[in-house]
């Protein structure tokens, strides 16, 4: 069924424009609360947020919604998305909420929901909540209205959890690390966790003012981190995004290391230690073919899914993998977390660095990525990918790249755009193939 509110990762949009208004947020709280009120125990919801100015407005609106249907609310304040998922489970809550638009600019915001198991909601749960948002939700009797309270030690609980994923016999003593928190949700917890493990921490992106989240800092804007790592002589730089569920690393030479290289590093370490479940990892169709070849050379398999960490996690759970992620830096390590966790992933990388005895520039650049080209073709309507002429061009391109490259063509889920991506050993061939397909799509869309 068509969705009115929920997208690929919760509800998201520009604040004070529907659906990201206080009125809708209150209705989401009422609907989600009513959907998860099951049994006769006192129900509880955990709410975290990032550092956006609009977080105050949406948080208060959701508190009103949840308490009106009889749910008690536990407020965490600014906390990473994975911390909310973890605390939802550990506090035996019935529901978890993260108010964040991740790596988007401050003017956007979003609502992510987690079930009592700490996992993002199923399609069925989201559809049931959608049906209630615009309907009549029964309110709790006066005596059963919920209460709200803030938890002062939420940051400490998450720091303790994150540190527990780092091998007990290792320390970060003598390691100078730059951490970029994107002026976002991890601006306190990430530097503290690294310092407590012994690192010399240089923190940037830790002065949120409500409007500077992801602004020139964080995983989507690593230039400042690159410059700081080189200027300070640090061994490594770590960049998180606004809600700290994604990670990008910078080596000591100032070179960016993407999610594909990070997954290769973690998978190799896990395989060496006998910890890699099901003999492989899960990645998306956008991960570089170089990653797949590198892993295959070590006897490590790789399963591909559609774009989105939600699809990665679904495949991991269904097929029994414990490492998965995206080129963009969403790394899911299911031995520890139910969603992507930038800090936990960073600690696994740091463990490899401490044990490896080599600089990050050698340790983390595991393979040479194949030339990859992505172009977007905007269209006004219709389904150009179903045109026979387009299908014929695509089939010819696939035959041309067979054994030497890969082709991924998909419509955008958010705008009228066809995304055409190819990669292969010959960059000239890749460019020719992409251009031919883009031209065919344009002609079919006219």
Protein backbone atom coordinates (compact mmCIF):
# COMPACT_ATOMS: atom_id res chain seq x y z
CA UNK A 1 0.00 0.00 0.00
CA UNK A 2 1.08 3.59 -0.62
CA UNK A 3 2.57 5.32 2.41
CA UNK A 4 1.48 8.80 3.50
CA UNK A 5 3.89 9.26 6.41
CA UNK A 6 6.53 6.53 6.63
CA UNK A 7 9.35 6.39 4.11
CA UNK A 8 12.37 4.12 3.86
CA UNK A 9 13.62 5.12 7.32
CA UNK A 10 10.77 6.43 9.43
CA UNK A 11 9.07 9.79 8.88
CA UNK A 12 11.19 12.66 7.60
CA UNK A 13 10.76 16.14 6.15
CA UNK A 14 11.31 19.88 6.52
CA UNK A 15 10.20 21.05 9.95
CA UNK A 16 6.96 22.99 10.36
CA UNK A 17 5.87 21.63 6.97
CA UNK A 18 3.65 18.53 7.00
CA UNK A 19 4.34 15.83 7.97
CA UNK A 20 7.11 17.18 10.19
CA UNK A 21 4.91 19.42 12.37
CA UNK A 22 4.16 19.39 16.07
CA UNK A 23 0.55 18.42 15.34
CA UNK A 24 1.57 15.38 13.29
CA UNK A 25 4.26 14.41 15.83
CA UNK A 26 1.63 14.37 18.57
CA UNK A 27 -0.62 12.19 16.42
CA UNK A 28 2.30 9.83 15.73
CA UNK A 29 2.85 9.54 19.48
CA UNK A 30 -0.82 8.81 20.06
CA UNK A 31 -1.01 6.28 17.22
CA UNK A 32 2.25 4.48 18.02
CA UNK A 33 1.42 4.45 21.71
CA UNK A 34 -2.04 3.01 21.11
CA UNK A 35 -0.61 0.37 18.77
CA UNK A 36 1.96 -0.79 21.32
CA UNK A 37 -0.30 -0.75 24.40
CA UNK A 38 -0.61 -4.48 24.87
CA UNK A 39 -1.36 -6.30 28.10
CA UNK A 40 -2.06 -4.83 31.52
CA UNK A 41 1.49 -3.73 32.51
CA UNK A 42 2.46 -0.06 32.74
CA UNK A 43 3.73 0.82 29.27
CA UNK A 44 6.87 2.84 28.61
CA UNK A 45 8.44 4.62 25.64
CA UNK A 46 12.02 5.86 25.40
CA UNK A 47 12.65 9.07 23.42
CA UNK A 48 16.02 10.35 22.23
CA UNK A 49 16.91 13.12 19.80
CA UNK A 50 19.81 14.77 18.04
CA UNK A 51 20.78 18.43 18.42
CA UNK A 52 18.42 20.12 15.95
CA UNK A 53 16.52 23.18 17.12
CA UNK A 54 13.24 21.54 16.15
CA UNK A 55 13.94 18.60 18.43
CA UNK A 56 12.48 20.47 21.41
CA UNK A 57 9.21 21.07 19.58
CA UNK A 58 8.82 17.52 18.30
CA UNK A 59 9.91 15.94 21.58
CA UNK A 60 7.28 17.85 23.57
CA UNK A 61 4.60 17.08 21.01
CA UNK A 62 5.37 13.37 21.14
CA UNK A 63 5.38 13.38 24.95
CA UNK A 64 1.86 14.82 24.83
CA UNK A 65 0.78 12.14 22.37
CA UNK A 66 2.22 9.19 24.26
CA UNK A 67 1.06 10.28 27.72
CA UNK A 68 -2.45 10.96 26.39
CA UNK A 69 -2.86 7.26 25.55
CA UNK A 70 -1.43 6.11 28.88
CA UNK A 71 2.25 5.57 28.12
CA UNK A 72 5.00 6.68 30.49
CA UNK A 73 7.84 8.52 28.73
CA UNK A 74 11.55 8.32 29.46
CA UNK A 75 13.48 11.24 27.94
CA UNK A 76 17.13 10.65 27.09
CA UNK A 77 18.02 14.02 25.57
CA UNK A 78 20.62 14.15 22.75
CA UNK A 79 21.73 10.57 22.15
CA UNK A 80 22.83 8.50 19.13
CA UNK A 81 20.19 6.49 17.30
CA UNK A 82 21.86 3.17 18.27
CA UNK A 83 21.82 4.26 21.92
CA UNK A 84 18.06 4.70 21.74
CA UNK A 85 17.69 1.23 20.22
CA UNK A 86 19.92 -0.28 22.91
CA UNK A 87 18.21 1.52 25.81
CA UNK A 88 14.74 0.62 24.51
CA UNK A 89 15.68 -3.02 24.88
CA UNK A 90 17.66 -2.76 28.13
CA UNK A 91 15.01 -0.64 29.88
CA UNK A 92 12.29 -3.14 28.88
CA UNK A 93 10.42 -0.38 27.08
CA UNK A 94 7.53 -1.10 24.74
CA UNK A 95 8.71 1.39 22.13
CA UNK A 96 11.69 3.58 21.29
CA UNK A 97 11.73 6.88 19.40
CA UNK A 98 14.63 8.75 17.81
CA UNK A 99 13.93 12.29 16.65
CA UNK A 100 16.51 12.92 13.95
CA UNK A 101 17.01 13.49 10.23
CA UNK A 102 20.41 11.77 10.36
CA UNK A 103 22.85 13.46 7.94
CA UNK A 104 20.32 16.03 6.61
CA UNK A 105 20.63 19.78 7.30
CA UNK A 106 19.22 21.20 10.54
CA UNK A 107 15.99 22.45 8.92
CA UNK A 108 14.89 18.84 8.37
CA UNK A 109 13.91 16.41 11.07
CA UNK A 110 12.52 12.91 11.36
CA UNK A 111 10.98 10.28 13.60
CA UNK A 112 12.38 6.74 13.77
CA UNK A 113 10.55 4.09 15.78
CA UNK A 114 11.96 0.96 17.42
CA UNK A 115 10.04 -2.01 18.79
CA UNK A 116 10.63 -3.52 22.24
CA UNK A 117 13.36 -5.73 20.76
CA UNK A 118 15.36 -2.67 19.69
CA UNK A 119 14.80 -3.26 15.97
CA UNK A 120 13.15 -0.82 13.59
CA UNK A 121 9.47 -1.50 13.05
CA UNK A 122 8.16 -3.93 10.48
CA UNK A 123 6.13 -2.79 7.50
CA UNK A 124 3.03 -4.22 9.17
CA UNK A 125 3.57 -2.15 12.33
CA UNK A 126 4.19 1.01 10.32
CA UNK A 127 1.06 0.45 8.25
CA UNK A 128 -1.03 -0.10 11.40
CA UNK A 129 0.32 3.13 12.92
CA UNK A 130 -0.34 5.02 9.68
CA UNK A 131 -3.96 3.89 9.78
CA UNK A 132 -4.31 5.31 13.30
CA UNK A 133 -2.60 8.67 12.69
CA UNK A 134 -5.52 10.10 10.72
CA UNK A 135 -8.14 8.19 12.68
CA UNK A 136 -9.63 8.41 16.14
CA UNK A 137 -7.26 7.10 18.81
CA UNK A 138 -8.92 6.22 22.13
CA UNK A 139 -7.51 8.34 24.94
CA UNK A 140 -6.62 7.00 28.36
CA UNK A 141 -8.93 7.67 31.32
CA UNK A 142 -7.82 10.63 33.45
CA UNK A 143 -6.34 8.39 36.11
CA UNK A 144 -4.27 6.46 33.57
CA UNK A 145 -2.56 9.34 31.75
CA UNK A 146 1.17 8.69 31.47
CA UNK A 147 4.05 10.49 33.19
CA UNK A 148 7.33 11.79 31.75
CA UNK A 149 10.77 11.83 33.33
CA UNK A 150 14.33 12.43 32.24
CA UNK A 151 17.08 9.87 32.80
CA UNK A 152 20.31 11.54 33.87
CA UNK A 153 22.64 8.59 33.36
CA UNK A 154 21.65 7.64 29.80
CA UNK A 155 24.97 8.86 28.38
CA UNK A 156 26.92 6.81 30.91
CA UNK A 157 24.93 3.70 30.12
CA UNK A 158 25.65 4.01 26.41
CA UNK A 159 29.35 4.78 26.94
CA UNK A 160 29.64 1.66 29.10
CA UNK A 161 27.90 -0.41 26.43
CA UNK A 162 30.10 0.92 23.62
CA UNK A 163 33.30 0.29 25.59
CA UNK A 164 32.16 -3.29 26.28
CA UNK A 165 32.42 -4.03 22.54
CA UNK A 166 36.16 -3.22 22.58
CA UNK A 167 38.39 -6.21 23.48
CA UNK A 168 39.12 -6.18 27.22
CA UNK A 169 42.82 -6.89 26.78
CA UNK A 170 43.36 -3.85 24.55
CA UNK A 171 43.75 -0.15 25.28
CA UNK A 172 44.10 2.97 23.19
CA UNK A 173 46.99 4.39 25.20
CA UNK A 174 49.29 6.57 23.15
CA UNK A 175 46.91 6.75 20.21
CA UNK A 176 45.97 10.23 19.06
CA UNK A 177 42.50 10.18 17.53
CA UNK A 178 40.47 12.98 16.00
CA UNK A 179 36.73 12.46 16.33
CA UNK A 180 34.23 14.55 14.38
CA UNK A 181 30.77 14.37 15.92
CA UNK A 182 29.01 16.51 13.27
CA UNK A 183 27.68 18.82 16.02
CA UNK A 184 25.20 16.02 16.47
CA UNK A 185 23.90 13.42 18.87
CA UNK A 186 27.27 11.86 19.82
CA UNK A 187 29.01 15.14 20.68
CA UNK A 188 29.46 14.06 24.31
CA UNK A 189 29.47 10.26 24.30
CA UNK A 190 31.94 9.54 21.48
CA UNK A 191 34.87 11.64 22.79
CA UNK A 192 34.23 10.37 26.32
CA UNK A 193 34.25 6.69 25.33
CA UNK A 194 37.52 7.06 23.41
CA UNK A 195 39.15 9.00 26.27
CA UNK A 196 38.08 6.39 28.83
CA UNK A 197 39.78 3.71 26.72
CA UNK A 198 43.04 5.65 26.93
CA UNK A 199 43.15 7.61 23.67
CA UNK A 200 44.40 11.16 23.30
CA UNK A 201 41.25 12.69 21.86
CA UNK A 202 40.97 15.75 19.64
CA UNK A 203 37.27 16.48 19.24
CA UNK A 204 35.68 18.62 16.53
CA UNK A 205 32.02 19.10 15.67
CA UNK A 206 31.18 19.13 19.39
CA UNK A 207 29.60 22.58 19.77
CA UNK A 208 25.98 22.17 18.66
CA UNK A 209 23.83 25.30 18.58
CA UNK A 210 20.68 23.80 17.08
CA UNK A 211 21.48 24.93 13.54
CA UNK A 212 25.00 23.64 12.79
CA UNK A 213 24.42 19.87 12.77
CA UNK A 214 26.18 18.33 9.72
CA UNK A 215 27.20 21.84 8.62
CA UNK A 216 30.68 21.44 7.14
CA UNK A 217 31.46 18.60 9.55
CA UNK A 218 30.62 14.95 10.01
CA UNK A 219 30.70 11.91 7.75
CA UNK A 220 29.18 13.73 4.77
CA UNK A 221 31.71 16.61 4.96
CA UNK A 222 35.06 15.04 6.02
CA UNK A 223 37.39 17.78 4.70
CA UNK A 224 37.81 19.46 8.10
CA UNK A 225 38.55 16.10 9.67
CA UNK A 226 41.15 15.31 6.99
CA UNK A 227 42.93 18.61 7.61
CA UNK A 228 42.81 18.20 11.40
CA UNK A 229 44.21 14.65 11.30
CA UNK A 230 47.19 15.71 9.20
CA UNK A 231 47.84 18.94 11.13
CA UNK A 232 47.71 17.20 14.52
CA UNK A 233 49.72 14.13 13.53
CA UNK A 234 46.87 11.86 14.60
CA UNK A 235 46.86 8.13 13.90
CA UNK A 236 43.26 8.15 12.76
CA UNK A 237 40.20 10.31 12.28
CA UNK A 238 36.63 9.21 12.97
CA UNK A 239 33.63 10.99 11.45
CA UNK A 240 30.08 10.32 12.59
CA UNK A 241 26.88 11.77 11.16
CA UNK A 242 24.17 13.73 12.94
CA UNK A 243 22.63 10.74 14.73
CA UNK A 244 25.87 8.70 14.86
CA UNK A 245 24.62 5.61 13.06
CA UNK A 246 27.15 5.97 10.26
CA UNK A 247 30.96 6.08 10.21
CA UNK A 248 33.63 7.34 7.85
CA UNK A 249 37.33 7.08 8.76
CA UNK A 250 40.33 9.19 7.73
CA UNK A 251 43.83 7.66 7.80
CA UNK A 252 46.95 9.42 9.09
CA UNK A 253 47.69 10.79 5.61
CA UNK A 254 44.31 12.49 5.42
CA UNK A 255 42.72 10.01 3.00
CA UNK A 256 39.06 9.10 3.44
CA UNK A 257 38.19 5.45 4.05
CA UNK A 258 34.61 4.55 3.08
CA UNK A 259 32.22 1.92 4.37
CA UNK A 260 33.36 -0.72 1.86
CA UNK A 261 36.94 -0.61 3.12
CA UNK A 262 35.72 -0.62 6.74
CA UNK A 263 33.56 -3.69 6.12
CA UNK A 264 36.52 -5.41 4.47
CA UNK A 265 38.69 -4.67 7.51
CA UNK A 266 36.13 -5.85 10.05
CA UNK A 267 35.17 -8.96 8.06
CA UNK A 268 38.82 -10.00 7.66
CA UNK A 269 39.44 -9.53 11.39
CA UNK A 270 36.32 -11.45 12.36
CA UNK A 271 37.16 -14.28 9.94
CA UNK A 272 40.69 -14.51 11.33
CA UNK A 273 39.30 -14.77 14.86
CA UNK A 274 36.63 -17.31 13.85
CA UNK A 275 33.84 -14.84 14.62
CA UNK A 276 32.42 -14.23 11.14
CA UNK A 277 29.03 -15.93 11.01
CA UNK A 278 27.82 -17.70 7.89
CA UNK A 279 31.19 -17.13 6.23
CA UNK A 280 30.37 -13.74 4.74
CA UNK A 281 28.83 -10.29 4.97
CA UNK A 282 25.79 -8.42 3.66
CA UNK A 283 26.21 -5.28 1.54
CA UNK A 284 24.04 -3.38 -0.92
CA UNK A 285 24.04 -3.21 -4.69
CA UNK A 286 26.07 0.01 -4.42
CA UNK A 287 29.10 -1.57 -2.74
CA UNK A 288 32.11 -1.69 -5.03
CA UNK A 289 32.88 -4.83 -7.00
CA UNK A 290 36.42 -4.53 -5.66
CA UNK A 291 35.08 -5.36 -2.19
CA UNK A 292 33.35 -8.47 -3.45
CA UNK A 293 36.49 -9.67 -5.26
CA UNK A 294 38.72 -8.91 -2.25
CA UNK A 295 36.50 -10.91 0.08
CA UNK A 296 36.16 -13.79 -2.38
CA UNK A 297 39.96 -14.09 -2.53
CA UNK A 298 39.87 -14.80 1.23
CA UNK A 299 37.01 -17.26 0.95
CA UNK A 300 34.54 -14.75 2.39
CA UNK A 301 31.14 -14.48 0.73
CA UNK A 302 29.05 -11.38 0.11
CA UNK A 303 25.28 -11.09 -0.26
CA UNK A 304 23.84 -7.95 -1.87
CA UNK A 305 20.54 -6.24 -1.04
CA UNK A 306 18.65 -3.16 -2.17
CA UNK A 307 19.98 0.20 -0.98
CA UNK A 308 19.15 0.98 2.66
CA UNK A 309 20.44 -0.30 5.99
CA UNK A 310 16.97 -1.69 6.69
CA UNK A 311 17.32 -4.15 3.80
CA UNK A 312 20.83 -5.06 4.95
CA UNK A 313 19.58 -5.85 8.43
CA UNK A 314 16.66 -7.90 7.14
CA UNK A 315 19.05 -10.09 5.15
CA UNK A 316 21.42 -10.40 8.10
CA UNK A 317 18.64 -11.56 10.40
CA UNK A 318 17.09 -13.92 7.84
CA UNK A 319 20.36 -15.57 6.80
CA UNK A 320 22.40 -15.46 10.00
CA UNK A 321 25.14 -12.94 9.16
CA UNK A 322 26.71 -10.72 11.83
CA UNK A 323 28.48 -8.11 9.65
CA UNK A 324 26.76 -5.91 7.11
CA UNK A 325 26.61 -2.36 5.90
CA UNK A 326 26.72 0.24 3.18
CA UNK A 327 29.41 2.11 1.29
CA UNK A 328 28.09 5.29 2.94
CA UNK A 329 29.24 4.06 6.33
CA UNK A 330 26.25 2.37 7.92
CA UNK A 331 27.96 -0.60 9.55
CA UNK A 332 25.74 -3.12 11.34
CA UNK A 333 27.39 -5.52 13.77
CA UNK A 334 24.58 -7.69 15.05
CA UNK A 335 26.66 -9.29 17.80
CA UNK A 336 26.34 -5.93 19.54
CA UNK A 337 23.60 -3.81 18.03
CA UNK A 338 20.22 -3.91 16.32
CA UNK A 339 21.02 -1.03 13.97
CA UNK A 340 24.02 0.82 12.55
CA UNK A 341 26.33 2.18 15.26
CA UNK A 342 29.16 4.49 14.19
CA UNK A 343 30.99 4.45 17.51
CA UNK A 344 30.87 0.67 17.93
CA UNK A 345 32.07 0.20 14.35
CA UNK A 346 34.90 2.67 15.01
CA UNK A 347 35.98 0.69 18.06
CA UNK A 348 36.23 -2.48 15.96
CA UNK A 349 38.43 -0.61 13.49
CA UNK A 350 40.57 0.73 16.34
CA UNK A 351 40.96 -2.79 17.73
CA UNK A 352 42.31 -3.90 14.35
CA UNK A 353 44.65 -0.89 14.29
CA UNK A 354 46.03 -1.57 17.77
CA UNK A 355 46.61 -5.25 17.04
CA UNK A 356 47.79 -4.81 13.46
CA UNK A 357 50.95 -2.85 14.18
CA UNK A 358 50.64 -0.96 10.88
CA UNK A 359 49.51 2.60 10.15
CA UNK A 360 45.90 3.16 9.15
CA UNK A 361 46.93 3.98 5.56
CA UNK A 362 48.19 0.41 5.19
CA UNK A 363 45.68 -1.41 7.37
CA UNK A 364 42.44 0.13 6.12
CA UNK A 365 43.00 0.35 2.36
CA UNK A 366 42.27 -3.30 1.74
CA UNK A 367 41.51 -3.24 -1.99
CA UNK A 368 41.63 -0.97 -5.00
CA UNK A 369 38.07 0.10 -5.86
CA UNK A 370 36.98 -0.43 -9.43
CA UNK A 371 36.09 2.72 -11.39
CA UNK A 372 32.47 3.45 -10.59
CA UNK A 373 30.19 6.00 -12.26
CA UNK A 374 26.70 7.06 -11.18
CA UNK A 375 24.46 9.37 -13.23
CA UNK A 376 20.86 10.43 -12.65
CA UNK A 377 18.24 10.91 -15.34
CA UNK A 378 15.21 12.99 -14.41
CA UNK A 379 11.89 12.18 -16.08
CA UNK A 380 8.42 13.71 -15.99
CA UNK A 381 6.26 10.64 -15.79
CA UNK A 382 5.65 7.10 -16.92
CA UNK A 383 7.97 4.12 -16.52
CA UNK A 384 10.92 4.58 -18.90
CA UNK A 385 12.67 1.43 -17.62
CA UNK A 386 9.82 -0.64 -19.06
CA UNK A 387 10.36 0.66 -22.61
CA UNK A 388 11.59 -2.09 -24.95
CA UNK A 389 14.31 0.17 -26.38
CA UNK A 390 15.68 0.83 -22.88
CA UNK A 391 15.57 -2.87 -22.01
CA UNK A 392 17.54 -3.67 -25.15
CA UNK A 393 20.26 -1.12 -24.36
CA UNK A 394 20.52 -2.42 -20.79
CA UNK A 395 20.80 -6.02 -21.97
CA UNK A 396 23.57 -5.04 -24.38
CA UNK A 397 25.43 -3.21 -21.62
CA UNK A 398 25.18 -6.19 -19.28
CA UNK A 399 26.58 -8.48 -21.96
CA UNK A 400 29.44 -6.05 -22.61
CA UNK A 401 30.36 -5.85 -18.90
CA UNK A 402 29.99 -9.58 -18.24
CA UNK A 403 32.88 -10.78 -16.11
CA UNK A 404 34.53 -7.34 -16.15
CA UNK A 405 32.03 -5.14 -14.40
CA UNK A 406 28.58 -4.60 -13.00
CA UNK A 407 25.48 -2.56 -13.72
CA UNK A 408 22.87 -1.22 -11.25
CA UNK A 409 19.85 0.70 -12.51
CA UNK A 410 17.07 1.74 -10.17
CA UNK A 411 14.39 4.39 -9.81
CA UNK A 412 14.77 6.76 -6.88
CA UNK A 413 12.37 6.17 -4.02
CA UNK A 414 11.96 9.88 -3.33
CA UNK A 415 11.98 11.73 -6.68
CA UNK A 416 11.30 11.13 -10.41
CA UNK A 417 14.86 10.09 -11.18
CA UNK A 418 16.42 6.97 -12.68
CA UNK A 419 19.83 6.20 -11.18
CA UNK A 420 22.28 4.51 -13.55
CA UNK A 421 25.46 3.08 -12.04
CA UNK A 422 28.17 1.00 -13.67
CA UNK A 423 31.58 -0.13 -12.56
CA UNK A 424 34.27 -2.18 -14.21
CA UNK A 425 37.94 -2.69 -14.92
CA UNK A 426 37.91 -0.27 -17.87
CA UNK A 427 36.82 3.28 -16.87
CA UNK A 428 36.26 4.26 -20.51
CA UNK A 429 33.94 1.33 -21.03
CA UNK A 430 32.06 2.19 -17.83
CA UNK A 431 31.47 5.76 -18.98
CA UNK A 432 30.29 4.68 -22.44
CA UNK A 433 27.87 2.16 -20.99
CA UNK A 434 26.35 4.65 -18.53
CA UNK A 435 25.98 7.34 -21.19
CA UNK A 436 24.23 4.93 -23.60
CA UNK A 437 21.73 3.86 -20.98
CA UNK A 438 21.08 7.43 -19.79
CA UNK A 439 20.41 8.54 -23.38
CA UNK A 440 18.02 5.65 -23.94
CA UNK A 441 16.12 6.53 -20.75
CA UNK A 442 15.90 10.20 -21.79
CA UNK A 443 14.50 9.31 -25.21
CA UNK A 444 11.96 6.91 -23.69
CA UNK A 445 10.86 9.52 -21.16
CA UNK A 446 10.13 12.19 -23.77
